Amino acid sequence: MKTKTPNPLTAFFSNLVAGFNRIYLTSRWYKISFKLFSKNLICPPE
């Protein structure tokens, strides 16, 4: 049973958006964790 393949352009764009969302979220978390890490590195908590 073959399902109709979606429009390649639509699939491409949805994949692109999903990838951008993933990259944006991970980069945001990386920035936050890096900030916390560097803060602890520069002036370690007592």
N, C-alpha and C. Protein backbone atom coordinates (compact mmCIF):
# COMPACT_ATOMS: atom_id res chain seq x y z
N MET A 1 0.86 -1.19 0.00
CA MET A 1 0.00 0.00 0.00
C MET A 1 0.90 1.25 0.00
N LYS A 2 0.81 1.99 -1.06
CA LYS A 2 1.66 3.18 -1.19
C LYS A 2 0.90 4.42 -0.77
N THR A 3 1.53 5.19 0.12
CA THR A 3 0.91 6.47 0.50
C THR A 3 1.44 7.55 -0.43
N LYS A 4 0.61 8.51 -0.73
CA LYS A 4 1.01 9.59 -1.62
C LYS A 4 2.10 10.43 -0.94
N THR A 5 3.20 10.63 -1.65
CA THR A 5 4.29 11.43 -1.08
C THR A 5 3.90 12.89 -1.11
N PRO A 6 4.21 13.62 -0.05
CA PRO A 6 3.87 15.05 -0.02
C PRO A 6 4.73 15.83 -1.00
N ASN A 7 4.34 17.05 -1.21
CA ASN A 7 5.09 17.94 -2.09
C ASN A 7 6.53 18.06 -1.57
N PRO A 8 7.54 17.74 -2.38
CA PRO A 8 8.93 17.79 -1.93
C PRO A 8 9.32 19.14 -1.36
N LEU A 9 8.79 20.19 -1.97
CA LEU A 9 9.11 21.54 -1.51
C LEU A 9 8.56 21.76 -0.10
N THR A 10 7.32 21.33 0.12
CA THR A 10 6.72 21.47 1.45
C THR A 10 7.50 20.68 2.47
N ALA A 11 7.85 19.44 2.12
CA ALA A 11 8.62 18.59 3.03
C ALA A 11 9.96 19.24 3.35
N PHE A 12 10.61 19.77 2.32
CA PHE A 12 11.91 20.41 2.50
C PHE A 12 11.80 21.59 3.47
N PHE A 13 10.77 22.41 3.28
CA PHE A 13 10.62 23.58 4.14
C PHE A 13 10.30 23.19 5.57
N SER A 14 9.44 22.17 5.74
CA SER A 14 9.10 21.75 7.11
C SER A 14 10.34 21.19 7.80
N ASN A 15 11.17 20.44 7.05
CA ASN A 15 12.41 19.92 7.62
C ASN A 15 13.34 21.07 7.99
N LEU A 16 13.40 22.06 7.14
CA LEU A 16 14.26 23.22 7.38
C LEU A 16 13.83 23.94 8.66
N VAL A 17 12.53 24.17 8.79
CA VAL A 17 12.00 24.85 9.98
C VAL A 17 12.30 24.05 11.23
N ALA A 18 12.07 22.73 11.16
CA ALA A 18 12.33 21.87 12.32
C ALA A 18 13.80 21.93 12.70
N GLY A 19 14.67 21.89 11.70
CA GLY A 19 16.11 21.95 11.96
C GLY A 19 16.50 23.27 12.60
N PHE A 20 15.94 24.36 12.09
CA PHE A 20 16.25 25.68 12.64
C PHE A 20 15.78 25.78 14.09
N ASN A 21 14.58 25.26 14.36
CA ASN A 21 14.07 25.29 15.73
C ASN A 21 14.99 24.53 16.66
N ARG A 22 15.43 23.33 16.21
CA ARG A 22 16.30 22.50 17.04
C ARG A 22 17.61 23.25 17.30
N ILE A 23 18.21 23.80 16.24
CA ILE A 23 19.49 24.51 16.39
C ILE A 23 19.32 25.72 17.31
N TYR A 24 18.23 26.46 17.13
CA TYR A 24 18.00 27.66 17.94
C TYR A 24 17.88 27.30 19.41
N LEU A 25 17.08 26.26 19.71
CA LEU A 25 16.89 25.86 21.11
C LEU A 25 18.20 25.38 21.72
N THR A 26 18.94 24.53 21.00
CA THR A 26 20.18 24.00 21.56
C THR A 26 21.20 25.11 21.74
N SER A 27 21.30 26.03 20.78
CA SER A 27 22.29 27.11 20.89
C SER A 27 21.92 28.00 22.08
N ARG A 28 20.63 28.19 22.31
CA ARG A 28 20.19 28.99 23.44
C ARG A 28 20.63 28.33 24.75
N TRP A 29 20.41 27.02 24.83
CA TRP A 29 20.81 26.30 26.05
C TRP A 29 22.32 26.35 26.20
N TYR A 30 23.05 26.20 25.10
CA TYR A 30 24.52 26.26 25.16
C TYR A 30 24.97 27.61 25.69
N LYS A 31 24.34 28.68 25.21
CA LYS A 31 24.72 30.03 25.65
C LYS A 31 24.48 30.19 27.15
N ILE A 32 23.30 29.75 27.60
CA ILE A 32 22.95 29.88 29.02
C ILE A 32 23.93 29.09 29.87
N SER A 33 24.17 27.82 29.51
CA SER A 33 25.07 26.98 30.30
C SER A 33 26.49 27.52 30.25
N PHE A 34 26.90 28.05 29.09
CA PHE A 34 28.25 28.60 28.97
C PHE A 34 28.41 29.83 29.87
N LYS A 35 27.35 30.67 29.90
CA LYS A 35 27.39 31.85 30.77
C LYS A 35 27.56 31.44 32.22
N LEU A 36 26.74 30.48 32.65
CA LEU A 36 26.83 30.01 34.04
C LEU A 36 28.21 29.43 34.31
N PHE A 37 28.70 28.62 33.37
CA PHE A 37 30.00 27.96 33.54
C PHE A 37 31.12 28.99 33.64
N SER A 38 31.14 29.97 32.74
CA SER A 38 32.20 30.98 32.73
C SER A 38 32.12 31.84 33.99
N LYS A 39 30.89 32.09 34.47
CA LYS A 39 30.74 32.89 35.68
C LYS A 39 31.37 32.15 36.86
N ASN A 40 31.12 30.84 36.94
CA ASN A 40 31.70 30.04 38.02
C ASN A 40 33.21 29.94 37.86
N LEU A 41 33.67 29.96 36.62
CA LEU A 41 35.11 29.84 36.37
C LEU A 41 35.83 31.12 36.79
N ILE A 42 35.26 32.28 36.42
CA ILE A 42 35.91 33.56 36.71
C ILE A 42 35.87 33.85 38.21
N CYS A 43 34.68 33.79 38.80
CA CYS A 43 34.59 34.01 40.25
C CYS A 43 33.85 32.82 40.86
N PRO A 44 34.59 31.81 41.29
CA PRO A 44 33.95 30.59 41.82
C PRO A 44 33.14 30.89 43.07
N PRO A 45 32.03 30.19 43.25
CA PRO A 45 31.20 30.42 44.44
C PRO A 45 31.94 30.02 45.71
N GLU A 46 31.66 30.73 46.77
CA GLU A 46 32.35 30.45 48.05
C GLU A 46 31.97 29.08 48.58
